[in-house]
Amino acid sequence: MELSAIEPGHYRRRVNQISLGFVAALALLSVAFGSLLIALFGQGPVASGESTGHFHLNLMGVVLALALCSAVLAGLKDKPFMAEVMLVWQTKQRHNRIFRKLAAIQAAAERKEPEALSILSYYHDSRIQVYRLDNNTLTLSEVVREQEALAERLAQWQISPPPFETAMLDRY
């Protein structure tokens, strides 16, 4: 699996646009749904300073808004506008899957298993890419050192691991 080249500035703009749009739509729809539910199912006038008793209707409005925003976002995930964001999101999902199996993968890499070495190589390379895209400079140097150490071991052992495939993770 090859890493795609993504321009960091463009990626950050897209993430910011999508996040801002999601938050704005969630806020507006929450208020709109809450108001609509109160108008339809709310009690009559309430004395000044008393609780309206509409908390559950407002909460239901927020839940409905969240469901609608999530459904719209899920429907848009295959659009070209979301391509880079979805690619990074899928890469982060693979990172989580690798991280959960990292101890077993590292042990297999010490035994010079080509698939484990391929997974580790992909893991380090893709983490570097994602950290640069997210402007995470705090831990980037540590990942670069891990990648360089792996590259040195591969050169020392004279091993060229096969290209990474997600199916390789099923073994560990």
N, C-alpha and C. Protein backbone atom coordinates (compact mmCIF):
# COMPACT_ATOMS: atom_id res chain seq x y z
N MET A 1 0.85 -1.16 0.00
CA MET A 1 0.00 0.00 0.00
C MET A 1 0.91 1.23 0.00
N GLU A 2 0.73 2.06 -1.00
CA GLU A 2 1.55 3.25 -1.16
C GLU A 2 0.90 4.43 -0.43
N LEU A 3 1.74 5.30 0.10
CA LEU A 3 1.26 6.52 0.71
C LEU A 3 1.05 7.56 -0.38
N SER A 4 -0.06 8.26 -0.33
CA SER A 4 -0.35 9.30 -1.31
C SER A 4 0.26 10.61 -0.84
N ALA A 5 0.72 11.40 -1.80
CA ALA A 5 1.27 12.71 -1.47
C ALA A 5 0.11 13.68 -1.23
N ILE A 6 0.13 14.31 -0.07
CA ILE A 6 -0.90 15.26 0.29
C ILE A 6 -0.21 16.55 0.72
N GLU A 7 -0.66 17.68 0.19
CA GLU A 7 -0.07 18.97 0.53
C GLU A 7 -0.63 19.41 1.89
N PRO A 8 0.22 19.65 2.89
CA PRO A 8 -0.24 19.95 4.26
C PRO A 8 -1.16 21.16 4.36
N GLY A 9 -0.84 22.24 3.66
CA GLY A 9 -1.68 23.44 3.74
C GLY A 9 -3.09 23.18 3.23
N HIS A 10 -3.17 22.49 2.11
CA HIS A 10 -4.48 22.15 1.52
C HIS A 10 -5.26 21.22 2.46
N TYR A 11 -4.56 20.23 3.01
CA TYR A 11 -5.21 19.30 3.93
C TYR A 11 -5.77 20.04 5.15
N ARG A 12 -4.97 20.91 5.75
CA ARG A 12 -5.43 21.63 6.95
C ARG A 12 -6.61 22.53 6.64
N ARG A 13 -6.59 23.18 5.47
CA ARG A 13 -7.74 24.01 5.10
C ARG A 13 -9.00 23.17 4.99
N ARG A 14 -8.87 21.99 4.34
CA ARG A 14 -10.05 21.12 4.20
C ARG A 14 -10.56 20.65 5.56
N VAL A 15 -9.65 20.24 6.42
CA VAL A 15 -10.07 19.77 7.75
C VAL A 15 -10.75 20.90 8.52
N ASN A 16 -10.19 22.09 8.44
CA ASN A 16 -10.79 23.23 9.13
C ASN A 16 -12.16 23.57 8.56
N GLN A 17 -12.31 23.54 7.24
CA GLN A 17 -13.60 23.82 6.62
C GLN A 17 -14.64 22.80 7.03
N ILE A 18 -14.27 21.54 7.00
CA ILE A 18 -15.20 20.47 7.35
C ILE A 18 -15.57 20.56 8.83
N SER A 19 -14.59 20.78 9.68
CA SER A 19 -14.86 20.89 11.12
C SER A 19 -15.74 22.08 11.44
N LEU A 20 -15.43 23.22 10.85
CA LEU A 20 -16.23 24.42 11.09
C LEU A 20 -17.66 24.23 10.59
N GLY A 21 -17.80 23.65 9.41
CA GLY A 21 -19.13 23.37 8.87
C GLY A 21 -19.92 22.43 9.75
N PHE A 22 -19.26 21.39 10.25
CA PHE A 22 -19.93 20.41 11.11
C PHE A 22 -20.40 21.07 12.41
N VAL A 23 -19.51 21.84 13.04
CA VAL A 23 -19.85 22.49 14.31
C VAL A 23 -20.97 23.51 14.12
N ALA A 24 -20.88 24.33 13.05
CA ALA A 24 -21.92 25.33 12.79
C ALA A 24 -23.27 24.67 12.52
N ALA A 25 -23.26 23.64 11.69
CA ALA A 25 -24.52 22.94 11.39
C ALA A 25 -25.08 22.28 12.64
N LEU A 26 -24.21 21.69 13.46
CA LEU A 26 -24.67 21.06 14.69
C LEU A 26 -25.30 22.08 15.63
N ALA A 27 -24.67 23.23 15.78
CA ALA A 27 -25.22 24.27 16.67
C ALA A 27 -26.57 24.78 16.16
N LEU A 28 -26.62 25.11 14.87
CA LEU A 28 -27.87 25.64 14.32
C LEU A 28 -29.00 24.61 14.35
N LEU A 29 -28.68 23.40 13.94
CA LEU A 29 -29.72 22.37 13.93
C LEU A 29 -30.17 21.98 15.34
N SER A 30 -29.26 22.01 16.30
CA SER A 30 -29.63 21.71 17.68
C SER A 30 -30.65 22.71 18.19
N VAL A 31 -30.40 23.98 17.95
CA VAL A 31 -31.33 25.03 18.37
C VAL A 31 -32.66 24.89 17.61
N ALA A 32 -32.58 24.65 16.31
CA ALA A 32 -33.80 24.53 15.50
C ALA A 32 -34.63 23.32 15.93
N PHE A 33 -34.00 22.16 16.07
CA PHE A 33 -34.74 20.97 16.48
C PHE A 33 -35.28 21.13 17.90
N GLY A 34 -34.48 21.68 18.80
CA GLY A 34 -34.95 21.90 20.17
C GLY A 34 -36.15 22.82 20.20
N SER A 35 -36.09 23.92 19.45
CA SER A 35 -37.21 24.85 19.40
C SER A 35 -38.46 24.20 18.80
N LEU A 36 -38.27 23.44 17.75
CA LEU A 36 -39.39 22.75 17.11
C LEU A 36 -40.03 21.74 18.07
N LEU A 37 -39.22 20.97 18.76
CA LEU A 37 -39.75 19.99 19.71
C LEU A 37 -40.47 20.66 20.87
N ILE A 38 -39.93 21.78 21.35
CA ILE A 38 -40.60 22.52 22.43
C ILE A 38 -41.92 23.08 21.94
N ALA A 39 -41.95 23.60 20.71
CA ALA A 39 -43.19 24.14 20.16
C ALA A 39 -44.24 23.05 20.01
N LEU A 40 -43.81 21.85 19.62
CA LEU A 40 -44.76 20.76 19.41
C LEU A 40 -45.18 20.06 20.70
N PHE A 41 -44.21 19.83 21.60
CA PHE A 41 -44.49 18.99 22.76
C PHE A 41 -44.28 19.68 24.11
N GLY A 42 -43.89 20.94 24.08
CA GLY A 42 -43.59 21.65 25.33
C GLY A 42 -44.85 22.01 26.10
N GLN A 43 -44.64 22.31 27.38
CA GLN A 43 -45.75 22.73 28.23
C GLN A 43 -46.09 24.18 27.95
N GLY A 44 -47.17 24.64 28.53
CA GLY A 44 -47.62 26.02 28.37
C GLY A 44 -46.69 26.99 29.07
N PRO A 45 -47.15 28.19 29.30
CA PRO A 45 -46.32 29.22 29.93
C PRO A 45 -45.82 28.78 31.32
N VAL A 46 -44.62 29.21 31.62
CA VAL A 46 -44.00 28.86 32.89
C VAL A 46 -43.77 30.16 33.66
N ALA A 47 -43.94 30.08 34.99
CA ALA A 47 -43.74 31.26 35.83
C ALA A 47 -42.29 31.73 35.75
N SER A 48 -42.10 33.00 35.87
CA SER A 48 -40.76 33.59 35.80
C SER A 48 -39.85 33.01 36.87
N GLY A 49 -38.63 32.66 36.49
CA GLY A 49 -37.66 32.12 37.43
C GLY A 49 -37.80 30.63 37.66
N GLU A 50 -38.76 29.98 37.09
CA GLU A 50 -38.97 28.54 37.24
C GLU A 50 -38.32 27.80 36.08
N SER A 51 -38.02 26.54 36.29
CA SER A 51 -37.49 25.71 35.23
C SER A 51 -38.58 25.43 34.21
N THR A 52 -38.21 25.43 32.94
CA THR A 52 -39.21 25.18 31.88
C THR A 52 -39.55 23.71 31.77
N GLY A 53 -38.65 22.84 32.23
CA GLY A 53 -38.90 21.41 32.13
C GLY A 53 -38.70 20.89 30.72
N HIS A 54 -37.96 21.65 29.88
CA HIS A 54 -37.75 21.25 28.49
C HIS A 54 -36.35 20.70 28.22
N PHE A 55 -35.64 20.38 29.28
CA PHE A 55 -34.28 19.86 29.08
C PHE A 55 -34.27 18.64 28.18
N HIS A 56 -35.19 17.71 28.41
CA HIS A 56 -35.21 16.48 27.61
C HIS A 56 -35.52 16.77 26.14
N LEU A 57 -36.34 17.79 25.87
CA LEU A 57 -36.64 18.15 24.48
C LEU A 57 -35.42 18.80 23.81
N ASN A 58 -34.72 19.65 24.56
CA ASN A 58 -33.49 20.25 24.02
C ASN A 58 -32.44 19.18 23.77
N LEU A 59 -32.30 18.25 24.70
CA LEU A 59 -31.34 17.16 24.53
C LEU A 59 -31.70 16.31 23.31
N MET A 60 -32.97 16.05 23.12
CA MET A 60 -33.41 15.30 21.96
C MET A 60 -33.10 16.07 20.68
N GLY A 61 -33.21 17.39 20.71
CA GLY A 61 -32.86 18.23 19.56
C GLY A 61 -31.39 18.11 19.22
N VAL A 62 -30.53 18.08 20.24
CA VAL A 62 -29.09 17.93 20.02
C VAL A 62 -28.80 16.55 19.42
N VAL A 63 -29.45 15.52 19.94
CA VAL A 63 -29.23 14.15 19.43
C VAL A 63 -29.69 14.06 17.97
N LEU A 64 -30.84 14.65 17.66
CA LEU A 64 -31.32 14.63 16.27
C LEU A 64 -30.36 15.39 15.35
N ALA A 65 -29.87 16.53 15.81
CA ALA A 65 -28.92 17.32 15.01
C ALA A 65 -27.64 16.54 14.78
N LEU A 66 -27.15 15.88 15.82
CA LEU A 66 -25.93 15.08 15.69
C LEU A 66 -26.14 13.93 14.71
N ALA A 67 -27.29 13.28 14.78
CA ALA A 67 -27.58 12.18 13.85
C ALA A 67 -27.65 12.69 12.41
N LEU A 68 -28.30 13.82 12.20
CA LEU A 68 -28.41 14.37 10.85
C LEU A 68 -27.05 14.81 10.32
N CYS A 69 -26.27 15.51 11.12
CA CYS A 69 -24.94 15.95 10.69
C CYS A 69 -24.03 14.76 10.40
N SER A 70 -24.10 13.73 11.21
CA SER A 70 -23.29 12.53 10.99
C SER A 70 -23.71 11.83 9.70
N ALA A 71 -25.01 11.76 9.45
CA ALA A 71 -25.50 11.13 8.23
C ALA A 71 -25.05 11.91 6.99
N VAL A 72 -25.11 13.23 7.06
CA VAL A 72 -24.67 14.05 5.93
C VAL A 72 -23.18 13.86 5.71
N LEU A 73 -22.40 13.87 6.78
CA LEU A 73 -20.95 13.68 6.66
C LEU A 73 -20.63 12.30 6.08
N ALA A 74 -21.36 11.27 6.51
CA ALA A 74 -21.15 9.93 5.97
C ALA A 74 -21.52 9.87 4.48
N GLY A 75 -22.52 10.62 4.09
CA GLY A 75 -22.90 10.66 2.68
C GLY A 75 -21.90 11.40 1.81
N LEU A 76 -21.18 12.33 2.41
CA LEU A 76 -20.20 13.13 1.66
C LEU A 76 -18.81 12.52 1.63
N LYS A 77 -18.59 11.44 2.37
CA LYS A 77 -17.23 10.91 2.52
C LYS A 77 -16.60 10.42 1.22
N ASP A 78 -17.39 10.11 0.21
CA ASP A 78 -16.85 9.63 -1.06
C ASP A 78 -16.69 10.74 -2.10
N LYS A 79 -17.02 11.96 -1.72
CA LYS A 79 -16.90 13.10 -2.64
C LYS A 79 -15.45 13.54 -2.75
N PRO A 80 -15.05 14.09 -3.89
CA PRO A 80 -13.66 14.53 -4.08
C PRO A 80 -13.21 15.56 -3.03
N PHE A 81 -14.12 16.37 -2.54
CA PHE A 81 -13.79 17.38 -1.52
C PHE A 81 -13.24 16.73 -0.25
N MET A 82 -13.67 15.53 0.03
CA MET A 82 -13.29 14.85 1.26
C MET A 82 -12.16 13.84 1.06
N ALA A 83 -11.61 13.73 -0.12
CA ALA A 83 -10.66 12.66 -0.44
C ALA A 83 -9.46 12.64 0.49
N GLU A 84 -8.79 13.78 0.65
CA GLU A 84 -7.59 13.81 1.50
C GLU A 84 -7.92 13.53 2.95
N VAL A 85 -9.01 14.11 3.41
CA VAL A 85 -9.42 13.94 4.81
C VAL A 85 -9.74 12.47 5.08
N MET A 86 -10.44 11.83 4.17
CA MET A 86 -10.78 10.41 4.35
C MET A 86 -9.54 9.53 4.27
N LEU A 87 -8.61 9.88 3.40
CA LEU A 87 -7.38 9.11 3.28
C LEU A 87 -6.59 9.15 4.60
N VAL A 88 -6.48 10.33 5.19
CA VAL A 88 -5.76 10.46 6.46
C VAL A 88 -6.54 9.75 7.56
N TRP A 89 -7.86 9.84 7.55
CA TRP A 89 -8.68 9.18 8.57
C TRP A 89 -8.49 7.66 8.50
N GLN A 90 -8.48 7.11 7.27
CA GLN A 90 -8.26 5.68 7.11
C GLN A 90 -6.86 5.28 7.54
N THR A 91 -5.88 6.13 7.27
CA THR A 91 -4.51 5.86 7.71
C THR A 91 -4.44 5.84 9.23
N LYS A 92 -5.12 6.76 9.88
CA LYS A 92 -5.15 6.79 11.35
C LYS A 92 -5.83 5.54 11.91
N GLN A 93 -6.84 5.05 11.21
CA GLN A 93 -7.48 3.80 11.64
C GLN A 93 -6.49 2.64 11.55
N ARG A 94 -5.71 2.59 10.48
CA ARG A 94 -4.68 1.56 10.35
C ARG A 94 -3.65 1.69 11.46
N HIS A 95 -3.28 2.92 11.80
CA HIS A 95 -2.34 3.14 12.91
C HIS A 95 -2.87 2.53 14.20
N ASN A 96 -4.14 2.76 14.48
CA ASN A 96 -4.73 2.20 15.70
C ASN A 96 -4.70 0.67 15.67
N ARG A 97 -4.99 0.12 14.53
CA ARG A 97 -4.99 -1.35 14.41
C ARG A 97 -3.58 -1.90 14.59
N ILE A 98 -2.59 -1.24 14.02
CA ILE A 98 -1.20 -1.67 14.17
C ILE A 98 -0.76 -1.48 15.62
N PHE A 99 -1.12 -0.36 16.22
CA PHE A 99 -0.69 -0.08 17.59
C PHE A 99 -1.19 -1.14 18.56
N ARG A 100 -2.43 -1.62 18.34
CA ARG A 100 -2.98 -2.66 19.23
C ARG A 100 -2.20 -3.96 19.12
N LYS A 101 -1.52 -4.18 18.00
CA LYS A 101 -0.77 -5.42 17.78
C LYS A 101 0.73 -5.17 17.77
N LEU A 102 1.16 -3.99 18.18
CA LEU A 102 2.54 -3.57 18.01
C LEU A 102 3.55 -4.47 18.72
N ALA A 103 3.23 -4.94 19.92
CA ALA A 103 4.18 -5.80 20.65
C ALA A 103 4.45 -7.08 19.86
N ALA A 104 3.41 -7.70 19.34
CA ALA A 104 3.58 -8.93 18.57
C ALA A 104 4.32 -8.65 17.25
N ILE A 105 4.02 -7.52 16.64
CA ILE A 105 4.67 -7.17 15.37
C ILE A 105 6.16 -6.90 15.60
N GLN A 106 6.48 -6.18 16.68
CA GLN A 106 7.89 -5.89 16.96
C GLN A 106 8.67 -7.17 17.30
N ALA A 107 8.02 -8.08 18.02
CA ALA A 107 8.69 -9.36 18.32
C ALA A 107 8.96 -10.13 17.04
N ALA A 108 7.99 -10.14 16.13
CA ALA A 108 8.17 -10.83 14.85
C ALA A 108 9.24 -10.13 14.00
N ALA A 109 9.31 -8.82 14.11
CA ALA A 109 10.33 -8.08 13.36
C ALA A 109 11.73 -8.43 13.87
N GLU A 110 11.86 -8.65 15.16
CA GLU A 110 13.16 -9.06 15.72
C GLU A 110 13.56 -10.45 15.20
N ARG A 111 12.56 -11.26 14.85
CA ARG A 111 12.84 -12.57 14.27
C ARG A 111 13.03 -12.48 12.75
N LYS A 112 13.05 -11.25 12.23
CA LYS A 112 13.29 -10.95 10.82
C LYS A 112 12.19 -11.44 9.90
N GLU A 113 10.95 -11.44 10.39
CA GLU A 113 9.82 -11.83 9.54
C GLU A 113 9.52 -10.68 8.58
N PRO A 114 9.53 -10.94 7.27
CA PRO A 114 9.35 -9.87 6.29
C PRO A 114 8.04 -9.10 6.43
N GLU A 115 6.95 -9.79 6.73
CA GLU A 115 5.67 -9.09 6.85
C GLU A 115 5.68 -8.13 8.03
N ALA A 116 6.26 -8.54 9.15
CA ALA A 116 6.33 -7.66 10.32
C ALA A 116 7.20 -6.44 10.01
N LEU A 117 8.28 -6.66 9.31
CA LEU A 117 9.15 -5.54 8.93
C LEU A 117 8.43 -4.60 7.97
N SER A 118 7.64 -5.15 7.09
CA SER A 118 6.85 -4.34 6.16
C SER A 118 5.83 -3.50 6.92
N ILE A 119 5.15 -4.11 7.89
CA ILE A 119 4.16 -3.40 8.70
C ILE A 119 4.83 -2.25 9.46
N LEU A 120 5.97 -2.54 10.10
CA LEU A 120 6.66 -1.50 10.86
C LEU A 120 7.14 -0.37 9.95
N SER A 121 7.63 -0.73 8.78
CA SER A 121 8.09 0.29 7.84
C SER A 121 6.93 1.20 7.43
N TYR A 122 5.80 0.60 7.08
CA TYR A 122 4.61 1.39 6.73
C TYR A 122 4.16 2.23 7.92
N TYR A 123 4.15 1.64 9.10
CA TYR A 123 3.70 2.33 10.31
C TYR A 123 4.53 3.60 10.54
N HIS A 124 5.84 3.48 10.46
CA HIS A 124 6.69 4.66 10.69
C HIS A 124 6.53 5.69 9.57
N ASP A 125 6.54 5.24 8.34
CA ASP A 125 6.41 6.17 7.21
C ASP A 125 5.07 6.92 7.25
N SER A 126 3.99 6.20 7.50
CA SER A 126 2.67 6.83 7.49
C SER A 126 2.48 7.74 8.71
N ARG A 127 3.07 7.36 9.85
CA ARG A 127 2.98 8.24 11.02
C ARG A 127 3.72 9.55 10.75
N ILE A 128 4.86 9.48 10.11
CA ILE A 128 5.59 10.70 9.77
C ILE A 128 4.73 11.59 8.87
N GLN A 129 4.09 10.99 7.88
CA GLN A 129 3.24 11.76 6.98
C GLN A 129 2.08 12.40 7.73
N VAL A 130 1.40 11.63 8.57
CA VAL A 130 0.25 12.16 9.30
C VAL A 130 0.69 13.23 10.31
N TYR A 131 1.80 13.02 10.98
CA TYR A 131 2.29 14.02 11.94
C TYR A 131 2.62 15.33 11.22
N ARG A 132 3.18 15.25 10.03
CA ARG A 132 3.47 16.47 9.27
C ARG A 132 2.19 17.14 8.81
N LEU A 133 1.22 16.37 8.38
CA LEU A 133 -0.05 16.94 7.95
C LEU A 133 -0.78 17.62 9.10
N ASP A 134 -0.73 17.01 10.28
CA ASP A 134 -1.40 17.56 11.46
C ASP A 134 -0.54 18.58 12.19
N ASN A 135 0.66 18.85 11.66
CA ASN A 135 1.60 19.80 12.26
C ASN A 135 1.96 19.38 13.69
N ASN A 136 2.15 18.10 13.90
CA ASN A 136 2.52 17.55 15.20
C ASN A 136 4.04 17.42 15.24
N THR A 137 4.70 18.51 15.57
CA THR A 137 6.16 18.51 15.55
C THR A 137 6.76 18.00 16.86
N LEU A 138 5.94 17.87 17.90
CA LEU A 138 6.46 17.45 19.20
C LEU A 138 7.02 16.03 19.18
N THR A 139 6.33 15.12 18.54
CA THR A 139 6.75 13.72 18.55
C THR A 139 7.31 13.26 17.20
N LEU A 140 7.39 14.16 16.24
CA LEU A 140 7.87 13.79 14.91
C LEU A 140 9.31 13.30 14.95
N SER A 141 10.16 13.95 15.71
CA SER A 141 11.57 13.55 15.75
C SER A 141 11.74 12.13 16.30
N GLU A 142 10.90 11.76 17.25
CA GLU A 142 10.96 10.40 17.82
C GLU A 142 10.60 9.35 16.76
N VAL A 143 9.57 9.63 15.98
CA VAL A 143 9.15 8.69 14.94
C VAL A 143 10.21 8.61 13.85
N VAL A 144 10.84 9.73 13.51
CA VAL A 144 11.91 9.72 12.51
C VAL A 144 13.07 8.86 13.00
N ARG A 145 13.40 8.96 14.29
CA ARG A 145 14.47 8.12 14.84
C ARG A 145 14.10 6.64 14.76
N GLU A 146 12.84 6.30 15.06
CA GLU A 146 12.39 4.91 14.96
C GLU A 146 12.48 4.42 13.52
N GLN A 147 12.11 5.27 12.57
CA GLN A 147 12.16 4.90 11.16
C GLN A 147 13.62 4.68 10.73
N GLU A 148 14.50 5.56 11.16
CA GLU A 148 15.91 5.43 10.79
C GLU A 148 16.52 4.17 11.40
N ALA A 149 16.14 3.85 12.63
CA ALA A 149 16.66 2.63 13.28
C ALA A 149 16.19 1.39 12.51
N LEU A 150 14.94 1.39 12.09
CA LEU A 150 14.42 0.27 11.31
C LEU A 150 15.15 0.17 9.97
N ALA A 151 15.37 1.30 9.32
CA ALA A 151 16.08 1.29 8.03
C ALA A 151 17.50 0.75 8.19
N GLU A 152 18.15 1.10 9.30
CA GLU A 152 19.50 0.58 9.56
C GLU A 152 19.48 -0.94 9.76
N ARG A 153 18.49 -1.41 10.51
CA ARG A 153 18.40 -2.87 10.72
C ARG A 153 18.12 -3.59 9.41
N LEU A 154 17.25 -3.03 8.58
CA LEU A 154 16.94 -3.66 7.28
C LEU A 154 18.20 -3.71 6.41
N ALA A 155 18.98 -2.64 6.43
CA ALA A 155 20.22 -2.63 5.64
C ALA A 155 21.23 -3.62 6.20
N GLN A 156 21.31 -3.67 7.53
CA GLN A 156 22.24 -4.60 8.18
C GLN A 156 21.87 -6.05 7.89
N TRP A 157 20.59 -6.34 7.94
CA TRP A 157 20.13 -7.70 7.71
C TRP A 157 20.02 -8.01 6.22
N GLN A 158 20.14 -7.01 5.38
CA GLN A 158 20.00 -7.13 3.93
C GLN A 158 18.64 -7.72 3.55
N ILE A 159 17.61 -7.11 4.14
CA ILE A 159 16.24 -7.55 3.89
C ILE A 159 15.48 -6.41 3.22
N SER A 160 14.73 -6.74 2.21
CA SER A 160 13.83 -5.79 1.55
C SER A 160 12.41 -6.31 1.74
N PRO A 161 11.66 -5.76 2.70
CA PRO A 161 10.33 -6.30 2.98
C PRO A 161 9.37 -6.06 1.83
N PRO A 162 8.36 -6.91 1.71
CA PRO A 162 7.36 -6.73 0.64
C PRO A 162 6.53 -5.47 0.91
N PRO A 163 5.82 -4.99 -0.10
CA PRO A 163 4.95 -3.83 0.12
C PRO A 163 3.87 -4.15 1.16
N PHE A 164 3.52 -3.15 1.95
CA PHE A 164 2.52 -3.34 3.01
C PHE A 164 1.14 -3.55 2.42
N GLU A 165 0.44 -4.51 2.97
CA GLU A 165 -0.97 -4.75 2.66
C GLU A 165 -1.70 -4.87 4.00
N THR A 166 -2.88 -4.33 4.09
CA THR A 166 -3.65 -4.35 5.34
C THR A 166 -3.89 -5.78 5.81
N ALA A 167 -4.02 -6.70 4.88
CA ALA A 167 -4.27 -8.11 5.24
C ALA A 167 -3.14 -8.71 6.06
N MET A 168 -1.96 -8.14 5.97
CA MET A 168 -0.82 -8.64 6.76
C MET A 168 -1.09 -8.55 8.26
N LEU A 169 -1.92 -7.62 8.66
CA LEU A 169 -2.21 -7.42 10.09
C LEU A 169 -3.00 -8.58 10.68
N ASP A 170 -3.70 -9.31 9.85
CA ASP A 170 -4.52 -10.44 10.34
C ASP A 170 -3.66 -11.54 10.96
N ARG A 171 -2.41 -11.58 10.58
CA ARG A 171 -1.51 -12.63 11.09
C ARG A 171 -1.14 -12.41 12.56
N TYR A 172 -1.20 -11.18 13.02
CA TYR A 172 -0.71 -10.88 14.36
C TYR A 172 -1.82 -10.58 15.34
